[in-house]
């Protein structure tokens, strides 16, 4: 999925992915579990460091490696946290607005 999907009427959770960090594998696994439960209610996206598209999103939102960014359906950044968050925490975070 591409970052152009942010702001298309569905909340989007973006993980800032740095291939040099060990937390990435665990966080992407947890995101996949959350996606399995939420289906198409939330977009689950990756912003990979050192790629043109990833670096653009990272710079625009002053994001850091291993950070999770939550965008509302209109594309406004509403929350940010650092990984690692398990699938239950992610689901609560995106659906209930809990930190």
N, C-alpha and C. Protein backbone atom coordinates (compact mmCIF):
# COMPACT_ATOMS: atom_id res chain seq x y z
N UNK A 1 0.84 -1.19 0.00
CA UNK A 1 0.00 0.00 0.00
C UNK A 1 0.88 1.25 0.00
N UNK A 2 0.38 2.26 -0.64
CA UNK A 2 1.17 3.49 -0.75
C UNK A 2 0.64 4.56 0.19
N UNK A 3 1.49 5.53 0.45
CA UNK A 3 1.12 6.59 1.38
C UNK A 3 0.05 7.51 0.81
N UNK A 4 -0.18 7.46 -0.48
CA UNK A 4 -1.25 8.27 -1.07
C UNK A 4 -2.62 7.86 -0.55
N UNK A 5 -2.71 6.69 0.07
CA UNK A 5 -3.97 6.23 0.62
C UNK A 5 -4.33 6.96 1.92
N UNK A 6 -3.37 7.61 2.53
CA UNK A 6 -3.64 8.38 3.75
C UNK A 6 -4.57 9.54 3.39
N UNK A 7 -5.64 9.69 4.15
CA UNK A 7 -6.59 10.77 3.90
C UNK A 7 -7.68 10.43 2.91
N UNK A 8 -7.89 9.15 2.67
CA UNK A 8 -8.92 8.73 1.70
C UNK A 8 -10.19 8.22 2.38
N UNK A 9 -10.41 8.66 3.64
CA UNK A 9 -11.65 8.31 4.32
C UNK A 9 -11.54 7.15 5.29
N UNK A 10 -10.35 6.58 5.41
CA UNK A 10 -10.13 5.46 6.33
C UNK A 10 -8.93 5.82 7.21
N UNK A 11 -9.00 5.55 8.53
CA UNK A 11 -7.82 5.80 9.37
C UNK A 11 -6.62 5.01 8.85
N UNK A 12 -5.43 5.54 9.05
CA UNK A 12 -4.21 4.88 8.59
C UNK A 12 -3.20 4.82 9.72
N UNK A 13 -2.64 3.63 9.93
CA UNK A 13 -1.57 3.44 10.88
C UNK A 13 -0.29 3.19 10.09
N UNK A 14 0.69 4.05 10.30
CA UNK A 14 1.96 3.96 9.55
C UNK A 14 3.08 3.62 10.53
N UNK A 15 3.85 2.61 10.19
CA UNK A 15 5.02 2.23 10.98
C UNK A 15 6.27 2.69 10.25
N UNK A 16 7.12 3.45 10.94
CA UNK A 16 8.38 3.91 10.35
C UNK A 16 9.38 2.77 10.50
N UNK A 17 9.69 2.16 9.38
CA UNK A 17 10.47 0.92 9.32
C UNK A 17 11.92 1.20 8.99
N UNK A 18 12.80 0.82 9.91
CA UNK A 18 14.24 0.90 9.70
C UNK A 18 14.77 -0.53 9.71
N UNK A 19 15.25 -1.03 8.56
CA UNK A 19 15.67 -2.43 8.49
C UNK A 19 16.82 -2.79 9.43
N UNK A 20 17.46 -1.81 10.03
CA UNK A 20 18.57 -2.07 10.94
C UNK A 20 18.13 -2.30 12.39
N UNK A 21 16.84 -2.18 12.67
CA UNK A 21 16.35 -2.32 14.04
C UNK A 21 15.64 -3.66 14.23
N UNK A 22 15.94 -4.32 15.33
CA UNK A 22 15.36 -5.64 15.61
C UNK A 22 13.85 -5.57 15.87
N UNK A 23 13.35 -4.45 16.36
CA UNK A 23 11.94 -4.33 16.70
C UNK A 23 11.02 -4.40 15.47
N UNK A 24 11.56 -4.18 14.29
CA UNK A 24 10.73 -4.13 13.09
C UNK A 24 9.96 -5.41 12.82
N UNK A 25 10.62 -6.55 12.93
CA UNK A 25 9.95 -7.81 12.66
C UNK A 25 8.79 -8.03 13.61
N UNK A 26 9.02 -7.81 14.89
CA UNK A 26 7.96 -7.99 15.88
C UNK A 26 6.81 -7.03 15.65
N UNK A 27 7.13 -5.76 15.36
CA UNK A 27 6.05 -4.78 15.17
C UNK A 27 5.24 -5.09 13.92
N UNK A 28 5.88 -5.48 12.84
CA UNK A 28 5.11 -5.79 11.63
C UNK A 28 4.25 -7.04 11.85
N UNK A 29 4.73 -8.01 12.64
CA UNK A 29 3.91 -9.17 12.96
C UNK A 29 2.66 -8.75 13.74
N UNK A 30 2.83 -7.85 14.70
CA UNK A 30 1.70 -7.38 15.49
C UNK A 30 0.72 -6.57 14.64
N UNK A 31 1.25 -5.79 13.70
CA UNK A 31 0.38 -5.04 12.79
C UNK A 31 -0.42 -6.00 11.92
N UNK A 32 0.19 -7.08 11.46
CA UNK A 32 -0.52 -8.06 10.64
C UNK A 32 -1.64 -8.72 11.44
N UNK A 33 -1.39 -9.03 12.71
CA UNK A 33 -2.44 -9.61 13.56
C UNK A 33 -3.60 -8.63 13.73
N UNK A 34 -3.28 -7.37 13.97
CA UNK A 34 -4.33 -6.35 14.12
C UNK A 34 -5.11 -6.20 12.82
N UNK A 35 -4.40 -6.20 11.69
CA UNK A 35 -5.06 -6.08 10.38
C UNK A 35 -6.01 -7.26 10.15
N UNK A 36 -5.60 -8.47 10.57
CA UNK A 36 -6.47 -9.64 10.42
C UNK A 36 -7.78 -9.45 11.16
N UNK A 37 -7.75 -8.77 12.30
CA UNK A 37 -8.97 -8.55 13.09
C UNK A 37 -9.78 -7.36 12.60
N UNK A 38 -9.11 -6.31 12.13
CA UNK A 38 -9.81 -5.08 11.74
C UNK A 38 -10.21 -5.05 10.27
N UNK A 39 -9.58 -5.88 9.47
CA UNK A 39 -9.91 -5.90 8.05
C UNK A 39 -9.66 -4.58 7.38
N UNK A 40 -10.64 -4.11 6.64
CA UNK A 40 -10.47 -2.88 5.86
C UNK A 40 -10.92 -1.62 6.61
N UNK A 41 -11.07 -1.72 7.94
CA UNK A 41 -11.45 -0.55 8.74
C UNK A 41 -10.30 0.43 8.93
N UNK A 42 -9.07 -0.07 8.81
CA UNK A 42 -7.87 0.73 9.02
C UNK A 42 -6.83 0.33 7.97
N UNK A 43 -6.13 1.32 7.43
CA UNK A 43 -5.01 1.03 6.54
C UNK A 43 -3.77 0.81 7.38
N UNK A 44 -3.03 -0.23 7.10
CA UNK A 44 -1.77 -0.51 7.78
C UNK A 44 -0.66 -0.32 6.76
N UNK A 45 0.18 0.68 6.99
CA UNK A 45 1.20 1.07 6.02
C UNK A 45 2.58 1.10 6.66
N UNK A 46 3.59 1.02 5.81
CA UNK A 46 4.99 1.09 6.24
C UNK A 46 5.62 2.31 5.56
N UNK A 47 6.39 3.07 6.32
CA UNK A 47 7.23 4.13 5.76
C UNK A 47 8.67 3.68 5.97
N UNK A 48 9.27 3.15 4.92
CA UNK A 48 10.61 2.58 5.03
C UNK A 48 11.67 3.68 4.88
N UNK A 49 12.56 3.73 5.86
CA UNK A 49 13.67 4.68 5.84
C UNK A 49 14.55 4.40 4.62
N UNK A 50 15.09 5.47 4.05
CA UNK A 50 15.99 5.41 2.89
C UNK A 50 15.30 4.99 1.60
N UNK A 51 13.99 5.28 1.53
CA UNK A 51 13.27 5.16 0.26
C UNK A 51 12.65 6.54 0.01
N UNK A 52 12.51 6.92 -1.25
CA UNK A 52 11.96 8.26 -1.52
C UNK A 52 10.61 8.51 -0.87
N UNK A 53 9.68 7.58 -1.01
CA UNK A 53 8.35 7.77 -0.44
C UNK A 53 8.39 7.76 1.09
N UNK A 54 9.14 6.83 1.67
CA UNK A 54 9.25 6.76 3.12
C UNK A 54 9.90 8.00 3.70
N UNK A 55 11.00 8.42 3.10
CA UNK A 55 11.71 9.60 3.62
C UNK A 55 10.85 10.85 3.52
N UNK A 56 10.02 10.95 2.49
CA UNK A 56 9.15 12.11 2.33
C UNK A 56 8.12 12.16 3.47
N UNK A 57 7.48 11.03 3.77
CA UNK A 57 6.50 11.00 4.85
C UNK A 57 7.18 11.23 6.20
N UNK A 58 8.33 10.63 6.41
CA UNK A 58 9.07 10.78 7.66
C UNK A 58 9.44 12.26 7.87
N UNK A 59 9.93 12.91 6.84
CA UNK A 59 10.31 14.32 6.96
C UNK A 59 9.09 15.21 7.20
N UNK A 60 8.01 14.94 6.48
CA UNK A 60 6.81 15.76 6.59
C UNK A 60 6.22 15.74 8.00
N UNK A 61 6.41 14.63 8.71
CA UNK A 61 5.82 14.49 10.04
C UNK A 61 6.86 14.41 11.15
N UNK A 62 8.11 14.69 10.77
CA UNK A 62 9.22 14.65 11.74
C UNK A 62 9.19 13.37 12.56
N UNK A 63 9.05 12.28 11.86
CA UNK A 63 8.95 10.97 12.49
C UNK A 63 10.34 10.37 12.71
N UNK A 64 10.39 9.42 13.61
CA UNK A 64 11.63 8.72 13.93
C UNK A 64 11.49 7.24 13.62
N UNK A 65 12.61 6.57 13.51
CA UNK A 65 12.61 5.12 13.30
C UNK A 65 11.82 4.44 14.41
N UNK A 66 11.09 3.40 14.04
CA UNK A 66 10.30 2.58 14.97
C UNK A 66 9.15 3.36 15.60
N UNK A 67 8.69 4.41 14.94
CA UNK A 67 7.55 5.17 15.45
C UNK A 67 6.29 4.76 14.70
N UNK A 68 5.19 4.74 15.41
CA UNK A 68 3.87 4.46 14.84
C UNK A 68 3.12 5.78 14.74
N UNK A 69 2.58 6.06 13.57
CA UNK A 69 1.82 7.29 13.33
C UNK A 69 0.40 6.92 12.98
N UNK A 70 -0.56 7.54 13.65
CA UNK A 70 -1.97 7.28 13.36
C UNK A 70 -2.58 8.52 12.72
N UNK A 71 -3.16 8.33 11.55
CA UNK A 71 -3.82 9.40 10.80
C UNK A 71 -5.32 9.16 10.82
N UNK A 72 -6.08 10.24 11.01
CA UNK A 72 -7.54 10.11 10.97
C UNK A 72 -7.99 9.95 9.52
N UNK A 73 -9.29 9.69 9.29
CA UNK A 73 -9.76 9.46 7.92
C UNK A 73 -9.47 10.61 6.95
N UNK A 74 -9.32 11.84 7.47
CA UNK A 74 -9.04 12.97 6.58
C UNK A 74 -7.54 13.14 6.31
N UNK A 75 -6.70 12.33 6.99
CA UNK A 75 -5.26 12.39 6.76
C UNK A 75 -4.49 13.23 7.75
N UNK A 76 -5.15 13.67 8.81
CA UNK A 76 -4.49 14.46 9.84
C UNK A 76 -3.82 13.53 10.85
N UNK A 77 -2.55 13.80 11.15
CA UNK A 77 -1.82 13.01 12.15
C UNK A 77 -2.42 13.30 13.52
N UNK A 78 -2.92 12.26 14.19
CA UNK A 78 -3.59 12.48 15.47
C UNK A 78 -2.87 11.83 16.65
N UNK A 79 -2.02 10.83 16.40
CA UNK A 79 -1.30 10.17 17.49
C UNK A 79 0.02 9.64 16.98
N UNK A 80 0.95 9.50 17.91
CA UNK A 80 2.23 8.86 17.60
C UNK A 80 2.75 8.18 18.86
N UNK A 81 3.36 7.03 18.66
CA UNK A 81 3.97 6.26 19.74
C UNK A 81 5.12 5.46 19.16
N UNK A 82 6.02 5.05 20.03
CA UNK A 82 7.11 4.20 19.58
C UNK A 82 6.73 2.73 19.73
N UNK A 83 7.27 1.91 18.84
CA UNK A 83 7.09 0.46 18.91
C UNK A 83 7.82 -0.04 20.15
N UNK A 84 7.44 -1.06 20.70
CA UNK A 84 6.66 -2.16 20.23
C UNK A 84 5.29 -2.11 20.90
N UNK A 85 4.24 -2.24 20.10
CA UNK A 85 2.88 -2.32 20.60
C UNK A 85 2.29 -3.63 20.09
N UNK A 86 1.65 -4.39 20.99
CA UNK A 86 1.07 -5.65 20.54
C UNK A 86 -0.24 -5.40 19.79
N UNK A 87 -0.76 -6.44 19.18
CA UNK A 87 -1.95 -6.28 18.33
C UNK A 87 -3.14 -5.73 19.11
N UNK A 88 -3.32 -6.17 20.35
CA UNK A 88 -4.45 -5.67 21.16
C UNK A 88 -4.30 -4.18 21.43
N UNK A 89 -3.08 -3.74 21.75
CA UNK A 89 -2.83 -2.32 21.98
C UNK A 89 -3.09 -1.53 20.70
N UNK A 90 -2.66 -2.05 19.58
CA UNK A 90 -2.89 -1.35 18.31
C UNK A 90 -4.37 -1.21 18.01
N UNK A 91 -5.12 -2.27 18.23
CA UNK A 91 -6.56 -2.23 17.97
C UNK A 91 -7.24 -1.20 18.87
N UNK A 92 -6.89 -1.19 20.15
CA UNK A 92 -7.46 -0.20 21.06
C UNK A 92 -7.06 1.21 20.63
N UNK A 93 -5.83 1.36 20.25
CA UNK A 93 -5.30 2.66 19.86
C UNK A 93 -6.05 3.23 18.66
N UNK A 94 -6.29 2.41 17.66
CA UNK A 94 -6.91 2.92 16.43
C UNK A 94 -8.43 2.95 16.49
N UNK A 95 -9.05 2.10 17.30
CA UNK A 95 -10.52 2.06 17.30
C UNK A 95 -11.13 2.81 18.48
N UNK A 96 -10.45 2.84 19.61
CA UNK A 96 -11.02 3.45 20.81
C UNK A 96 -10.37 4.77 21.17
N UNK A 97 -9.31 5.11 20.49
CA UNK A 97 -8.63 6.34 20.78
C UNK A 97 -7.81 6.31 22.05
N UNK A 98 -7.48 5.10 22.53
CA UNK A 98 -6.71 5.00 23.76
C UNK A 98 -5.22 5.09 23.47
N UNK A 99 -4.47 5.67 24.41
CA UNK A 99 -3.01 5.78 24.21
C UNK A 99 -2.31 4.44 24.30
